[in-house]
Amino acid sequence: MILKSIVFPALAFLLVYFVKPAEYIALFIIMGSVMPVDSVIAIVYPPHENIQKIVTGGILLSSLASILVLPVFMGVYGELYVW
């Protein structure tokens, strides 16, 4: 969860910072790295109850972490590209 919620957005930020792509591409990269894990994953996994609990718990934690991480990285994006 930490990898998806903190490390990937940090790597995406570094990529955007050093490569300096167009504004809409940078927004796509940062938003894609910060968004939580897709909830469809819980449907794809086998219906074993133990695995389902682990998968849905991971989705929940990823979603909660994105609530904290999204404003931080979008604020950084705003400092780089807006105004």
N, C-alpha and C. Protein backbone atom coordinates (compact mmCIF):
# COMPACT_ATOMS: atom_id res chain seq x y z
N MET A 1 0.82 -1.19 0.00
CA MET A 1 0.00 0.00 0.00
C MET A 1 0.87 1.25 0.00
N ILE A 2 1.94 1.23 0.78
CA ILE A 2 2.82 2.40 0.81
C ILE A 2 3.46 2.62 -0.56
N LEU A 3 3.76 1.51 -1.24
CA LEU A 3 4.35 1.61 -2.56
C LEU A 3 3.41 2.34 -3.51
N LYS A 4 2.15 1.96 -3.54
CA LYS A 4 1.19 2.58 -4.45
C LYS A 4 0.80 3.98 -4.00
N SER A 5 0.73 4.22 -2.71
CA SER A 5 0.22 5.49 -2.22
C SER A 5 1.26 6.59 -2.10
N ILE A 6 2.51 6.23 -1.89
CA ILE A 6 3.53 7.25 -1.66
C ILE A 6 4.67 7.16 -2.66
N VAL A 7 5.20 5.97 -2.88
CA VAL A 7 6.39 5.82 -3.73
C VAL A 7 6.06 6.12 -5.19
N PHE A 8 4.99 5.54 -5.74
CA PHE A 8 4.64 5.79 -7.13
C PHE A 8 4.33 7.26 -7.40
N PRO A 9 3.54 7.92 -6.55
CA PRO A 9 3.33 9.35 -6.79
C PRO A 9 4.62 10.17 -6.70
N ALA A 10 5.51 9.79 -5.79
CA ALA A 10 6.78 10.52 -5.69
C ALA A 10 7.62 10.32 -6.95
N LEU A 11 7.64 9.09 -7.46
CA LEU A 11 8.38 8.84 -8.70
C LEU A 11 7.74 9.57 -9.88
N ALA A 12 6.42 9.62 -9.92
CA ALA A 12 5.73 10.35 -10.98
C ALA A 12 6.04 11.84 -10.88
N PHE A 13 6.06 12.37 -9.67
CA PHE A 13 6.40 13.78 -9.48
C PHE A 13 7.82 14.06 -9.98
N LEU A 14 8.76 13.18 -9.64
CA LEU A 14 10.14 13.37 -10.11
C LEU A 14 10.22 13.31 -11.63
N LEU A 15 9.47 12.39 -12.23
CA LEU A 15 9.44 12.30 -13.69
C LEU A 15 8.91 13.60 -14.29
N VAL A 16 7.82 14.10 -13.75
CA VAL A 16 7.23 15.34 -14.25
C VAL A 16 8.17 16.52 -14.02
N TYR A 17 8.83 16.52 -12.87
CA TYR A 17 9.72 17.63 -12.54
C TYR A 17 10.91 17.71 -13.49
N PHE A 18 11.50 16.56 -13.81
CA PHE A 18 12.71 16.57 -14.63
C PHE A 18 12.42 16.55 -16.13
N VAL A 19 11.37 15.87 -16.54
CA VAL A 19 11.06 15.77 -17.97
C VAL A 19 10.29 17.00 -18.45
N LYS A 20 9.45 17.57 -17.59
CA LYS A 20 8.63 18.74 -17.88
C LYS A 20 7.77 18.54 -19.14
N PRO A 21 6.86 17.53 -19.10
CA PRO A 21 5.97 17.33 -20.26
C PRO A 21 4.91 18.43 -20.32
N ALA A 22 4.09 18.38 -21.34
CA ALA A 22 3.00 19.34 -21.46
C ALA A 22 2.10 19.25 -20.22
N GLU A 23 1.38 20.32 -19.96
CA GLU A 23 0.59 20.41 -18.73
C GLU A 23 -0.43 19.28 -18.60
N TYR A 24 -1.15 18.97 -19.67
CA TYR A 24 -2.18 17.93 -19.59
C TYR A 24 -1.56 16.54 -19.42
N ILE A 25 -0.39 16.32 -19.99
CA ILE A 25 0.30 15.03 -19.80
C ILE A 25 0.80 14.91 -18.37
N ALA A 26 1.34 15.98 -17.83
CA ALA A 26 1.80 15.96 -16.44
C ALA A 26 0.63 15.71 -15.49
N LEU A 27 -0.51 16.33 -15.76
CA LEU A 27 -1.70 16.10 -14.93
C LEU A 27 -2.14 14.64 -15.01
N PHE A 28 -2.13 14.07 -16.19
CA PHE A 28 -2.50 12.67 -16.37
C PHE A 28 -1.55 11.75 -15.61
N ILE A 29 -0.26 12.01 -15.66
CA ILE A 29 0.73 11.18 -14.97
C ILE A 29 0.54 11.26 -13.45
N ILE A 30 0.39 12.46 -12.93
CA ILE A 30 0.25 12.61 -11.48
C ILE A 30 -1.09 12.06 -10.99
N MET A 31 -2.17 12.35 -11.69
CA MET A 31 -3.47 11.83 -11.27
C MET A 31 -3.51 10.30 -11.34
N GLY A 32 -2.91 9.74 -12.37
CA GLY A 32 -2.88 8.28 -12.50
C GLY A 32 -2.09 7.61 -11.40
N SER A 33 -1.05 8.27 -10.93
CA SER A 33 -0.23 7.66 -9.88
C SER A 33 -0.84 7.84 -8.49
N VAL A 34 -1.67 8.83 -8.31
CA VAL A 34 -2.23 9.12 -6.99
C VAL A 34 -3.56 8.43 -6.74
N MET A 35 -4.29 8.10 -7.78
CA MET A 35 -5.62 7.52 -7.61
C MET A 35 -5.54 6.14 -6.96
N PRO A 36 -6.56 5.77 -6.18
CA PRO A 36 -6.53 4.47 -5.48
C PRO A 36 -6.67 3.29 -6.43
N VAL A 37 -6.40 2.12 -5.89
CA VAL A 37 -6.51 0.88 -6.66
C VAL A 37 -7.95 0.70 -7.13
N ASP A 38 -8.09 0.17 -8.31
CA ASP A 38 -9.42 -0.02 -8.90
C ASP A 38 -10.22 -1.04 -8.11
N SER A 39 -11.46 -0.72 -7.83
CA SER A 39 -12.30 -1.60 -7.02
C SER A 39 -12.80 -2.81 -7.79
N VAL A 40 -12.59 -2.86 -9.09
CA VAL A 40 -13.00 -4.01 -9.88
C VAL A 40 -12.13 -5.23 -9.55
N ILE A 41 -10.96 -5.00 -8.99
CA ILE A 41 -10.06 -6.10 -8.63
C ILE A 41 -10.75 -7.08 -7.70
N ALA A 42 -11.59 -6.60 -6.81
CA ALA A 42 -12.28 -7.49 -5.88
C ALA A 42 -13.23 -8.45 -6.61
N ILE A 43 -13.73 -8.05 -7.73
CA ILE A 43 -14.62 -8.90 -8.50
C ILE A 43 -13.83 -9.96 -9.27
N VAL A 44 -12.64 -9.63 -9.71
CA VAL A 44 -11.83 -10.53 -10.53
C VAL A 44 -11.21 -11.65 -9.70
N TYR A 45 -10.90 -11.40 -8.44
CA TYR A 45 -10.25 -12.40 -7.60
C TYR A 45 -11.19 -13.58 -7.34
N PRO A 46 -10.62 -14.77 -7.07
CA PRO A 46 -11.46 -15.94 -6.79
C PRO A 46 -12.37 -15.70 -5.58
N PRO A 47 -13.49 -16.39 -5.54
CA PRO A 47 -14.47 -16.11 -4.49
C PRO A 47 -14.15 -16.72 -3.12
N HIS A 48 -12.91 -17.08 -2.88
CA HIS A 48 -12.55 -17.60 -1.56
C HIS A 48 -12.65 -16.46 -0.56
N GLU A 49 -13.29 -16.71 0.53
CA GLU A 49 -13.60 -15.64 1.49
C GLU A 49 -12.34 -14.97 2.05
N ASN A 50 -11.30 -15.72 2.36
CA ASN A 50 -10.08 -15.13 2.93
C ASN A 50 -9.40 -14.20 1.94
N ILE A 51 -9.33 -14.60 0.68
CA ILE A 51 -8.68 -13.76 -0.33
C ILE A 51 -9.51 -12.50 -0.56
N GLN A 52 -10.82 -12.64 -0.61
CA GLN A 52 -11.68 -11.48 -0.81
C GLN A 52 -11.51 -10.44 0.30
N LYS A 53 -11.38 -10.89 1.54
CA LYS A 53 -11.19 -9.96 2.66
C LYS A 53 -9.87 -9.22 2.53
N ILE A 54 -8.82 -9.92 2.12
CA ILE A 54 -7.52 -9.27 1.94
C ILE A 54 -7.58 -8.25 0.81
N VAL A 55 -8.18 -8.63 -0.30
CA VAL A 55 -8.27 -7.73 -1.45
C VAL A 55 -9.10 -6.49 -1.12
N THR A 56 -10.26 -6.69 -0.52
CA THR A 56 -11.10 -5.53 -0.21
C THR A 56 -10.46 -4.66 0.87
N GLY A 57 -9.72 -5.26 1.80
CA GLY A 57 -9.00 -4.46 2.79
C GLY A 57 -7.92 -3.61 2.14
N GLY A 58 -7.22 -4.19 1.16
CA GLY A 58 -6.21 -3.42 0.42
C GLY A 58 -6.81 -2.27 -0.36
N ILE A 59 -7.97 -2.51 -0.95
CA ILE A 59 -8.65 -1.44 -1.69
C ILE A 59 -9.08 -0.34 -0.75
N LEU A 60 -9.59 -0.71 0.41
CA LEU A 60 -10.00 0.29 1.40
C LEU A 60 -8.81 1.12 1.87
N LEU A 61 -7.73 0.46 2.22
CA LEU A 61 -6.54 1.20 2.68
C LEU A 61 -5.97 2.09 1.59
N SER A 62 -5.97 1.61 0.36
CA SER A 62 -5.49 2.43 -0.75
C SER A 62 -6.37 3.66 -0.95
N SER A 63 -7.67 3.49 -0.82
CA SER A 63 -8.58 4.62 -0.97
C SER A 63 -8.40 5.64 0.15
N LEU A 64 -8.24 5.15 1.38
CA LEU A 64 -8.02 6.07 2.50
C LEU A 64 -6.70 6.81 2.38
N ALA A 65 -5.66 6.11 1.93
CA ALA A 65 -4.36 6.76 1.76
C ALA A 65 -4.42 7.81 0.66
N SER A 66 -5.19 7.56 -0.38
CA SER A 66 -5.27 8.54 -1.47
C SER A 66 -5.96 9.82 -1.03
N ILE A 67 -6.82 9.74 -0.01
CA ILE A 67 -7.45 10.95 0.51
C ILE A 67 -6.40 11.90 1.08
N LEU A 68 -5.35 11.36 1.65
CA LEU A 68 -4.27 12.18 2.20
C LEU A 68 -3.26 12.59 1.14
N VAL A 69 -2.94 11.68 0.24
CA VAL A 69 -1.86 11.91 -0.71
C VAL A 69 -2.29 12.79 -1.88
N LEU A 70 -3.53 12.65 -2.33
CA LEU A 70 -4.00 13.40 -3.50
C LEU A 70 -3.86 14.91 -3.34
N PRO A 71 -4.31 15.52 -2.25
CA PRO A 71 -4.15 16.97 -2.13
C PRO A 71 -2.69 17.42 -2.10
N VAL A 72 -1.84 16.62 -1.50
CA VAL A 72 -0.42 16.99 -1.42
C VAL A 72 0.19 17.05 -2.81
N PHE A 73 0.02 15.99 -3.57
CA PHE A 73 0.65 15.95 -4.89
C PHE A 73 -0.03 16.88 -5.89
N MET A 74 -1.33 17.12 -5.74
CA MET A 74 -1.97 18.09 -6.62
C MET A 74 -1.53 19.51 -6.27
N GLY A 75 -1.23 19.75 -4.99
CA GLY A 75 -0.66 21.05 -4.61
C GLY A 75 0.71 21.26 -5.22
N VAL A 76 1.50 20.21 -5.25
CA VAL A 76 2.83 20.29 -5.88
C VAL A 76 2.67 20.52 -7.38
N TYR A 77 1.72 19.81 -7.99
CA TYR A 77 1.46 20.01 -9.42
C TYR A 77 1.05 21.46 -9.68
N GLY A 78 0.20 22.00 -8.81
CA GLY A 78 -0.23 23.39 -8.97
C GLY A 78 0.91 24.36 -8.89
N GLU A 79 1.88 24.08 -8.03
CA GLU A 79 3.05 24.96 -7.92
C GLU A 79 3.92 24.88 -9.16
N LEU A 80 3.98 23.72 -9.78
CA LEU A 80 4.83 23.55 -10.98
C LEU A 80 4.20 24.12 -12.24
N TYR A 81 2.89 23.92 -12.42
CA TYR A 81 2.28 24.22 -13.71
C TYR A 81 1.30 25.36 -13.73
N VAL A 82 0.77 25.75 -12.62
CA VAL A 82 -0.25 26.80 -12.62
C VAL A 82 0.38 28.11 -12.16
N TRP A 83 0.09 29.14 -12.88
CA TRP A 83 0.59 30.48 -12.61
C TRP A 83 2.04 30.46 -12.73
